[in-house]
C-alpha atoms as a PDB file:
ATOM      1  CA  MET A   1       3.200 -13.564  15.236  1.00  0.00           C
ATOM      2  CA  ALA A   2       3.923 -17.036  16.623  1.00  0.00           C
ATOM      3  CA  ARG A   3       6.803 -17.340  14.135  1.00  0.00           C
ATOM      4  CA  PHE A   4       8.067 -13.754  14.330  1.00  0.00           C
ATOM      5  CA  GLY A   5      11.718 -13.747  15.373  1.00  0.00           C
ATOM      6  CA  ALA A   6      11.752 -17.550  15.406  1.00  0.00           C
ATOM      7  CA  GLY A   7      14.093 -18.173  12.490  1.00  0.00           C
ATOM      8  CA  VAL A   8      11.614 -18.777   9.670  1.00  0.00           C
ATOM      9  CA  ARG A   9      12.686 -20.030   6.272  1.00  0.00           C
ATOM     10  CA  ILE A  10      13.406 -17.176   3.854  1.00  0.00           C
ATOM     11  CA  ASP A  11      13.599 -17.509   0.069  1.00  0.00           C
ATOM     12  CA  LYS A  12      14.205 -14.982  -2.700  1.00  0.00           C
ATOM     13  CA  LYS A  13      11.738 -14.072  -5.452  1.00  0.00           C
ATOM     14  CA  GLY A  14      14.193 -11.487  -6.793  1.00  0.00           C
ATOM     15  CA  THR A  15      17.510  -9.890  -5.916  1.00  0.00           C
ATOM     16  CA  ILE A  16      16.071  -8.190  -2.801  1.00  0.00           C
ATOM     17  CA  ASP A  17      12.469  -9.464  -2.934  1.00  0.00           C
ATOM     18  CA  LEU A  18      11.953 -11.957  -0.109  1.00  0.00           C
ATOM     19  CA  VAL A  19       9.268 -14.481   0.751  1.00  0.00           C
ATOM     20  CA  THR A  20       9.046 -16.438   3.994  1.00  0.00           C
ATOM     21  CA  GLU A  21       7.303 -19.703   4.759  1.00  0.00           C
ATOM     22  CA  VAL A  22       4.883 -17.631   6.856  1.00  0.00           C
ATOM     23  CA  ASP A  23       3.762 -15.634   3.769  1.00  0.00           C
ATOM     24  CA  VAL A  24       2.849 -18.860   1.999  1.00  0.00           C
ATOM     25  CA  ALA A  25       1.275 -20.569   5.020  1.00  0.00           C
ATOM     26  CA  VAL A  26      -1.011 -17.623   5.812  1.00  0.00           C
ATOM     27  CA  GLU A  27      -2.066 -17.333   2.169  1.00  0.00           C
ATOM     28  CA  ARG A  28      -2.886 -21.045   1.959  1.00  0.00           C
ATOM     29  CA  MET A  29      -4.993 -20.746   5.134  1.00  0.00           C
ATOM     30  CA  PHE A  30      -6.884 -17.815   3.658  1.00  0.00           C
ATOM     31  CA  ARG A  31      -7.497 -19.513   0.319  1.00  0.00           C
ATOM     32  CA  ALA A  32      -8.884 -22.561   2.103  1.00  0.00           C
ATOM     33  CA  LEU A  33     -11.215 -20.337   4.145  1.00  0.00           C
ATOM     34  CA  ILE A  34     -12.598 -18.560   1.068  1.00  0.00           C
ATOM     35  CA  ALA A  35     -12.974 -21.846  -0.825  1.00  0.00           C
ATOM     36  CA  GLU A  36     -15.077 -23.154   2.046  1.00  0.00           C
ATOM     37  CA  ARG A  37     -17.222 -20.065   2.650  1.00  0.00           C
ATOM     38  CA  PHE A  38     -17.449 -18.508  -0.812  1.00  0.00           C
ATOM     39  CA  PRO A  39     -16.602 -21.187  -3.393  1.00  0.00           C
ATOM     40  CA  ASP A  40     -17.740 -19.033  -6.324  1.00  0.00           C
ATOM     41  CA  HIS A  41     -15.396 -16.163  -5.389  1.00  0.00           C
ATOM     42  CA  ASP A  42     -11.899 -15.602  -6.797  1.00  0.00           C
ATOM     43  CA  VAL A  43      -8.757 -14.864  -4.801  1.00  0.00           C
ATOM     44  CA  LEU A  44      -5.884 -12.709  -6.028  1.00  0.00           C
ATOM     45  CA  ALA A  45      -2.986 -12.860  -3.589  1.00  0.00           C
ATOM     46  CA  GLU A  46       0.719 -12.143  -3.632  1.00  0.00           C
ATOM     47  CA  GLU A  47       2.360 -15.534  -3.381  1.00  0.00           C
ATOM     48  CA  LEU A  48       0.105 -17.838  -5.434  1.00  0.00           C
ATOM     49  CA  GLY A  49      -1.530 -15.386  -7.845  1.00  0.00           C
ATOM     50  CA  SER A  50      -5.147 -15.717  -8.984  1.00  0.00           C
ATOM     51  CA  GLY A  51      -7.368 -18.606  -8.081  1.00  0.00           C
ATOM     52  CA  GLY A  52      -8.260 -18.951 -11.746  1.00  0.00           C
ATOM     53  CA  ASN A  53     -11.902 -17.908 -11.524  1.00  0.00           C
ATOM     54  CA  THR A  54     -11.308 -14.750 -13.555  1.00  0.00           C
ATOM     55  CA  GLN A  55     -14.998 -14.380 -14.439  1.00  0.00           C
ATOM     56  CA  ALA A  56     -16.081 -14.126 -10.805  1.00  0.00           C
ATOM     57  CA  SER A  57     -17.788 -10.875  -9.844  1.00  0.00           C
ATOM     58  CA  HIS A  58     -16.332 -11.105  -6.313  1.00  0.00           C
ATOM     59  CA  ARG A  59     -12.568 -11.160  -5.832  1.00  0.00           C
ATOM     60  CA  TRP A  60     -10.620 -11.131  -2.576  1.00  0.00           C
ATOM     61  CA  VAL A  61      -7.330  -9.257  -2.967  1.00  0.00           C
ATOM     62  CA  PHE A  62      -4.964 -10.395  -0.237  1.00  0.00           C
ATOM     63  CA  ASP A  63      -1.433  -9.768   0.960  1.00  0.00           C
ATOM     64  CA  PRO A  64      -0.734 -12.305   3.704  1.00  0.00           C
ATOM     65  CA  LEU A  65       2.320 -10.437   4.947  1.00  0.00           C
ATOM     66  CA  ASP A  66       2.914  -6.894   3.747  1.00  0.00           C
ATOM     67  CA  GLY A  67       6.352  -5.896   4.964  1.00  0.00           C
ATOM     68  CA  THR A  68       8.054  -9.262   4.470  1.00  0.00           C
ATOM     69  CA  THR A  69      11.558  -7.772   4.508  1.00  0.00           C
ATOM     70  CA  ASN A  70      10.810  -6.123   7.862  1.00  0.00           C
ATOM     71  CA  TYR A  71       9.410  -9.414   9.175  1.00  0.00           C
ATOM     72  CA  ALA A  72      12.439 -11.374   7.999  1.00  0.00           C
ATOM     73  CA  HIS A  73      14.785  -8.933   9.742  1.00  0.00           C
ATOM     74  CA  GLY A  74      12.815  -8.865  12.990  1.00  0.00           C
ATOM     75  CA  LEU A  75      11.510  -5.330  12.457  1.00  0.00           C
ATOM     76  CA  PRO A  76       7.955  -5.033  13.880  1.00  0.00           C
ATOM     77  CA  ILE A  77       6.370  -3.098  11.008  1.00  0.00           C
ATOM     78  CA  PHE A  78       4.228  -5.472   8.958  1.00  0.00           C
ATOM     79  CA  CYS A  79       0.582  -6.409   8.489  1.00  0.00           C
ATOM     80  CA  SER A  80      -1.967  -8.453   6.566  1.00  0.00           C
ATOM     81  CA  SER A  81      -4.051  -6.586   4.002  1.00  0.00           C
ATOM     82  CA  LEU A  82      -7.361  -7.685   2.489  1.00  0.00           C
ATOM     83  CA  ALA A  83      -9.895  -6.100   0.149  1.00  0.00           C
ATOM     84  CA  LEU A  84     -13.072  -7.454  -1.382  1.00  0.00           C
ATOM     85  CA  ALA A  85     -13.598  -6.164  -4.903  1.00  0.00           C
ATOM     86  CA  ILE A  86     -16.964  -6.499  -6.616  1.00  0.00           C
ATOM     87  CA  ASP A  87     -16.839  -6.005 -10.376  1.00  0.00           C
ATOM     88  CA  GLY A  88     -13.344  -4.578  -9.975  1.00  0.00           C
ATOM     89  CA  GLU A  89     -14.127  -2.000  -7.283  1.00  0.00           C
ATOM     90  CA  ALA A  90     -13.005  -2.404  -3.683  1.00  0.00           C
ATOM     91  CA  VAL A  91     -16.043  -2.262  -1.417  1.00  0.00           C
ATOM     92  CA  VAL A  92     -14.610  -3.554   1.872  1.00  0.00           C
ATOM     93  CA  GLY A  93     -11.075  -3.412   3.238  1.00  0.00           C
ATOM     94  CA  ALA A  94      -9.272  -4.624   6.333  1.00  0.00           C
ATOM     95  CA  VAL A  95      -5.644  -4.216   7.391  1.00  0.00           C
ATOM     96  CA  TYR A  96      -4.401  -5.771  10.616  1.00  0.00           C
ATOM     97  CA  ASP A  97      -1.161  -4.685  12.295  1.00  0.00           C
ATOM     98  CA  PRO A  98      -0.527  -7.410  14.893  1.00  0.00           C
ATOM     99  CA  ASN A  99       2.362  -5.611  16.583  1.00  0.00           C
ATOM    100  CA  ARG A 100       0.149  -2.691  17.633  1.00  0.00           C
ATOM    101  CA  ARG A 101      -3.054  -4.749  17.625  1.00  0.00           C
ATOM    102  CA  GLU A 102      -4.587  -2.247  15.244  1.00  0.00           C
ATOM    103  CA  LEU A 103      -7.380  -3.303  12.920  1.00  0.00           C
ATOM    104  CA  PHE A 104      -8.138  -0.786  10.193  1.00  0.00           C
ATOM    105  CA  THR A 105     -11.445  -1.336   8.386  1.00  0.00           C
ATOM    106  CA  ALA A 106     -13.345   0.483   5.663  1.00  0.00           C
ATOM    107  CA  GLU A 107     -16.592   0.038   3.767  1.00  0.00           C
ATOM    108  CA  ARG A 108     -17.295   2.019   0.621  1.00  0.00           C
ATOM    109  CA  GLY A 109     -19.736   4.725   1.590  1.00  0.00           C
ATOM    110  CA  GLY A 110     -19.553   3.695   5.247  1.00  0.00           C
ATOM    111  CA  GLY A 111     -16.333   5.330   6.456  1.00  0.00           C
ATOM    112  CA  ALA A 112     -13.033   4.043   7.816  1.00  0.00           C
ATOM    113  CA  ARG A 113     -12.269   2.934  11.350  1.00  0.00           C
ATOM    114  CA  LEU A 114      -9.403   1.929  13.605  1.00  0.00           C
ATOM    115  CA  ASN A 115     -10.483  -0.632  16.192  1.00  0.00           C
ATOM    116  CA  GLY A 116     -14.020   0.641  15.695  1.00  0.00           C
ATOM    117  CA  VAL A 117     -13.222   4.363  16.049  1.00  0.00           C
ATOM    118  CA  SER A 118     -13.845   6.595  13.009  1.00  0.00           C
ATOM    119  CA  LEU A 119     -10.820   7.874  11.109  1.00  0.00           C
ATOM    120  CA  ARG A 120     -10.186  11.212   9.416  1.00  0.00           C
ATOM    121  CA  VAL A 121      -7.199  12.374   7.412  1.00  0.00           C
ATOM    122  CA  SER A 122      -5.013  15.212   8.662  1.00  0.00           C
ATOM    123  CA  ARG A 123      -5.540  18.914   8.082  1.00  0.00           C
ATOM    124  CA  ALA A 124      -1.978  19.846   7.093  1.00  0.00           C
ATOM    125  CA  PRO A 125      -2.548  22.634   4.537  1.00  0.00           C
ATOM    126  CA  VAL A 126       0.833  22.733   2.796  1.00  0.00           C
ATOM    127  CA  LEU A 127       3.820  20.446   2.224  1.00  0.00           C
ATOM    128  CA  LEU A 128       6.002  22.411   4.587  1.00  0.00           C
ATOM    129  CA  ASP A 129       3.690  21.314   7.405  1.00  0.00           C
ATOM    130  CA  ALA A 130       3.414  17.724   6.195  1.00  0.00           C
ATOM    131  CA  MET A 131       4.989  14.397   7.079  1.00  0.00           C
ATOM    132  CA  LEU A 132       5.146  12.154   4.025  1.00  0.00           C
ATOM    133  CA  VAL A 133       5.806   8.451   3.660  1.00  0.00           C
ATOM    134  CA  THR A 134       6.965   6.409   0.678  1.00  0.00           C
ATOM    135  CA  GLY A 135       8.447   3.090  -0.307  1.00  0.00           C
ATOM    136  CA  PHE A 136      11.171   1.872  -2.649  1.00  0.00           C
ATOM    137  CA  PRO A 137      10.460  -0.758  -5.331  1.00  0.00           C
ATOM    138  CA  TYR A 138      12.283  -4.065  -5.479  1.00  0.00           C
ATOM    139  CA  ASN A 139      14.128  -2.906  -8.620  1.00  0.00           C
ATOM    140  CA  VAL A 140      15.444   0.176  -6.821  1.00  0.00           C
ATOM    141  CA  HIS A 141      19.021  -0.752  -7.753  1.00  0.00           C
ATOM    142  CA  GLU A 142      18.124  -0.328 -11.433  1.00  0.00           C
ATOM    143  CA  ALA A 143      15.962   2.791 -10.909  1.00  0.00           C
ATOM    144  CA  LEU A 144      18.074   4.533  -8.282  1.00  0.00           C
ATOM    145  CA  ASP A 145      18.255   7.977  -9.882  1.00  0.00           C
ATOM    146  CA  GLU A 146      14.503   8.119 -10.466  1.00  0.00           C
ATOM    147  CA  VAL A 147      13.484   6.838  -7.022  1.00  0.00           C
ATOM    148  CA  VAL A 148      16.008   8.775  -4.975  1.00  0.00           C
ATOM    149  CA  GLY A 149      15.636  11.859  -7.140  1.00  0.00           C
ATOM    150  CA  LEU A 150      11.918  12.202  -6.440  1.00  0.00           C
ATOM    151  CA  PHE A 151      12.499  11.320  -2.798  1.00  0.00           C
ATOM    152  CA  GLY A 152      14.958  14.207  -2.626  1.00  0.00           C
ATOM    153  CA  LYS A 153      12.464  16.626  -4.168  1.00  0.00           C
ATOM    154  CA  PHE A 154       9.972  15.876  -1.410  1.00  0.00           C
ATOM    155  CA  VAL A 155      12.622  15.960   1.310  1.00  0.00           C
ATOM    156  CA  GLY A 156      13.387  19.492   0.178  1.00  0.00           C
ATOM    157  CA  ARG A 157       9.756  20.613   0.404  1.00  0.00           C
ATOM    158  CA  ALA A 158       8.120  18.689   3.267  1.00  0.00           C
ATOM    159  CA  ARG A 159       8.536  18.795   7.032  1.00  0.00           C
ATOM    160  CA  ALA A 160       9.680  15.173   6.992  1.00  0.00           C
ATOM    161  CA  VAL A 161       9.688  12.050   4.833  1.00  0.00           C
ATOM    162  CA  ARG A 162       9.644   8.501   6.194  1.00  0.00           C
ATOM    163  CA  ARG A 163      10.118   5.042   4.683  1.00  0.00           C
ATOM    164  CA  LEU A 164       8.474   2.248   6.716  1.00  0.00           C
ATOM    165  CA  GLY A 165       8.485  -0.776   4.408  1.00  0.00           C
ATOM    166  CA  SER A 166       4.754  -1.596   4.261  1.00  0.00           C
ATOM    167  CA  ALA A 167       2.550   0.156   1.717  1.00  0.00           C
ATOM    168  CA  ALA A 168      -0.635  -1.019   3.431  1.00  0.00           C
ATOM    169  CA  ILE A 169       0.442   0.465   6.766  1.00  0.00           C
ATOM    170  CA  ASP A 170       1.567   3.639   4.992  1.00  0.00           C
ATOM    171  CA  LEU A 171      -1.892   4.100   3.500  1.00  0.00           C
ATOM    172  CA  CYS A 172      -3.679   3.312   6.748  1.00  0.00           C
ATOM    173  CA  TRP A 173      -1.537   5.839   8.575  1.00  0.00           C
ATOM    174  CA  VAL A 174      -2.517   8.479   6.017  1.00  0.00           C
ATOM    175  CA  ALA A 175      -6.141   7.586   6.700  1.00  0.00           C
ATOM    176  CA  ALA A 176      -5.486   7.914  10.443  1.00  0.00           C
ATOM    177  CA  GLY A 177      -3.829  11.328  10.070  1.00  0.00           C
ATOM    178  CA  ARG A 178      -0.444  10.073  11.282  1.00  0.00           C
ATOM    179  CA  MET A 179       0.997  10.748   7.846  1.00  0.00           C
ATOM    180  CA  ASP A 180      -0.202  13.449   5.501  1.00  0.00           C
ATOM    181  CA  ALA A 181       0.508  11.686   2.198  1.00  0.00           C
ATOM    182  CA  PHE A 182       2.014   8.578   0.607  1.00  0.00           C
ATOM    183  CA  TRP A 183       3.414   7.954  -2.852  1.00  0.00           C
ATOM    184  CA  GLU A 184       4.992   4.912  -4.455  1.00  0.00           C
ATOM    185  CA  GLU A 185       5.425   3.192  -7.820  1.00  0.00           C
ATOM    186  CA  ARG A 186       5.731  -0.429  -8.976  1.00  0.00           C
ATOM    187  CA  LEU A 187       3.155  -1.724  -6.534  1.00  0.00           C
ATOM    188  CA  CYS A 188       0.602  -4.520  -6.938  1.00  0.00           C
ATOM    189  CA  PRO A 189      -3.146  -4.455  -6.214  1.00  0.00           C
ATOM    190  CA  TRP A 190      -2.730  -6.473  -3.002  1.00  0.00           C
ATOM    191  CA  ASP A 191      -0.395  -3.743  -1.708  1.00  0.00           C
ATOM    192  CA  THR A 192      -2.881  -0.918  -2.126  1.00  0.00           C
ATOM    193  CA  MET A 193      -6.540  -1.855  -2.585  1.00  0.00           C
ATOM    194  CA  ALA A 194      -7.496  -2.047   1.083  1.00  0.00           C
ATOM    195  CA  GLY A 195      -5.359   0.899   2.191  1.00  0.00           C
ATOM    196  CA  ALA A 196      -6.540   3.161  -0.628  1.00  0.00           C
ATOM    197  CA  LEU A 197     -10.140   2.509   0.398  1.00  0.00           C
ATOM    198  CA  MET A 198      -9.187   3.511   3.964  1.00  0.00           C
ATOM    199  CA  VAL A 199      -7.844   6.851   2.737  1.00  0.00           C
ATOM    200  CA  GLN A 200     -10.869   7.551   0.542  1.00  0.00           C
ATOM    201  CA  GLU A 201     -13.334   6.696   3.312  1.00  0.00           C
ATOM    202  CA  ALA A 202     -11.372   8.821   5.803  1.00  0.00           C
ATOM    203  CA  GLY A 203     -11.859  11.876   3.565  1.00  0.00           C
ATOM    204  CA  GLY A 204      -8.581  11.767   1.659  1.00  0.00           C
ATOM    205  CA  THR A 205      -7.693  11.773  -2.037  1.00  0.00           C
ATOM    206  CA  VAL A 206      -6.257   8.864  -4.022  1.00  0.00           C
ATOM    207  CA  THR A 207      -5.017   9.269  -7.607  1.00  0.00           C
ATOM    208  CA  ALA A 208      -2.279   8.167  -9.923  1.00  0.00           C
ATOM    209  CA  MET A 209       0.954  10.032  -9.360  1.00  0.00           C
ATOM    210  CA  ASP A 210       0.201  12.409 -12.233  1.00  0.00           C
ATOM    211  CA  GLY A 211      -3.154  13.288 -10.691  1.00  0.00           C
ATOM    212  CA  GLY A 212      -5.163  11.074 -13.036  1.00  0.00           C
ATOM    213  CA  PRO A 213      -7.523   8.274 -12.004  1.00  0.00           C
ATOM    214  CA  TRP A 214      -6.013   5.650  -9.738  1.00  0.00           C
ATOM    215  CA  ILE A 215      -6.012   2.163 -11.283  1.00  0.00           C
ATOM    216  CA  PRO A 216      -4.659  -0.508  -8.893  1.00  0.00           C
ATOM    217  CA  ALA A 217      -3.184  -2.645 -11.679  1.00  0.00           C
ATOM    218  CA  ASP A 218      -1.094   0.288 -12.942  1.00  0.00           C
ATOM    219  CA  GLY A 219       1.196  -0.037  -9.912  1.00  0.00           C
ATOM    220  CA  GLN A 220       1.398   3.573  -8.757  1.00  0.00           C
ATOM    221  CA  VAL A 221      -0.474   5.618  -6.204  1.00  0.00           C
ATOM    222  CA  LEU A 222      -0.565   9.045  -4.626  1.00  0.00           C
ATOM    223  CA  ALA A 223      -2.728   9.251  -1.512  1.00  0.00           C
ATOM    224  CA  SER A 224      -3.054  12.348   0.633  1.00  0.00           C
ATOM    225  CA  ASN A 225      -5.251  14.363   2.944  1.00  0.00           C
ATOM    226  CA  GLY A 226      -6.441  16.174  -0.190  1.00  0.00           C
ATOM    227  CA  LEU A 227      -5.178  19.576   0.903  1.00  0.00           C
ATOM    228  CA  ILE A 228      -1.595  19.009  -0.285  1.00  0.00           C
ATOM    229  CA  HIS A 229      -2.472  16.806  -3.247  1.00  0.00           C
ATOM    230  CA  ALA A 230      -2.151  19.382  -6.012  1.00  0.00           C
ATOM    231  CA  GLU A 231       1.189  20.564  -4.634  1.00  0.00           C
ATOM    232  CA  MET A 232       2.537  17.006  -4.698  1.00  0.00           C
ATOM    233  CA  VAL A 233       1.257  16.346  -8.219  1.00  0.00           C
ATOM    234  CA  GLU A 234       3.003  19.483  -9.444  1.00  0.00           C
ATOM    235  CA  ILE A 235       6.317  18.399  -7.905  1.00  0.00           C
ATOM    236  CA  ILE A 236       6.031  14.955  -9.500  1.00  0.00           C
ATOM    237  CA  ARG A 237       5.171  16.427 -12.909  1.00  0.00           C
ATOM    238  CA  ALA A 238       8.076  18.864 -12.723  1.00  0.00           C
ATOM    239  CA  PHE A 239      10.498  16.105 -11.724  1.00  0.00           C
ATOM    240  CA  ARG A 240       9.363  13.854 -14.553  1.00  0.00           C
ATOM    241  CA  GLY A 241       9.641  16.743 -16.963  1.00  0.00           C
ATOM    242  CA  GLU A 242      13.224  17.378 -15.862  1.00  0.00           C
ATOM    243  CA  ARG A 243      14.134  13.717 -16.336  1.00  0.00           C
ATOM    244  CA  SER A 244      12.508  13.635 -19.761  1.00  0.00           C
ATOM    245  CA  THR A 245      14.530  16.696 -20.826  1.00  0.00           C
ATOM    246  CA  ILE A 246      17.755  15.095 -19.604  1.00  0.00           C
ATOM    247  CA  ARG A 247      17.073  11.827 -21.456  1.00  0.00           C
ATOM    248  CA  THR A 248      16.362  13.594 -24.755  1.00  0.00           C
ATOM    249  CA  ALA A 249      19.209  16.098 -24.473  1.00  0.00           C
END
C-alpha cells in the first residue's frame, strides 16, 4: 500500500500480463520469511516459481499481488493470497484486501471467516436471481470468441455479471455471499487455492467448469453457492457443445 499510486516500475510478462516491482519485492519478503521459519517447506509463487523442494509435504502457494493490472492502473481492487497445501491439499488459506482492510481466512474443516466473523455463501436459488463474477485470461485477444461468448451466455441468464480483475477476491466474495458464483479459465494455483478453500468452508461448491473434480493445476474453476451450480454447468456444457459443432462443421 505504501507504493500504491506512487509510480512503481511496471514490466511486461506478456502482451497484457504485467508485473510490478512491488509483486517481486513482496514475494521475496515472503520467501525469506518461510525460509527462516519453515526451512523444509516449499514455496510456489507467481513471480519466481517453485522453491525447488518439490518433495516437500508442505507447500505455501502464494500470489503476492493478485490484481496487478488494477494496481498498476491505480484501481483499488487487489489483494495478497496465500494457501498452505499439505500433500497437495489446501488446509489453510488467507486472502488480505488492504484497501478494505478485509482479511479472509479458512481452515479445512474449521470454516471460513472475514475479520474473524463466520462466512456463509448466498441463498440465491436460480441464475435469474444471481450476481456472477468472472475474469478474462491474459490471452483473451486470441480466445475472444470463446471468452466473450460464454460471458454473453451468462449475461443472458443471470441478474448481473461483473468482472473485477482479481480471482482471489472474486472467490472470497462468493464465500461472503456478495457474489453468487465465479467462473474462469487459464488460472494458476496461486490464483485460486486460498479462495477456493474459502468457498468450500463457507458452504459453497467448487468444481471444474464441466462439473468434474476441481484440480488447481488444470487452470479452471467454477465456484458457487451450490444452489445454482448445476444450472451453470449445463450452460457451460451447452456452450462448449455449440462451439464444438461449429468447429467440426
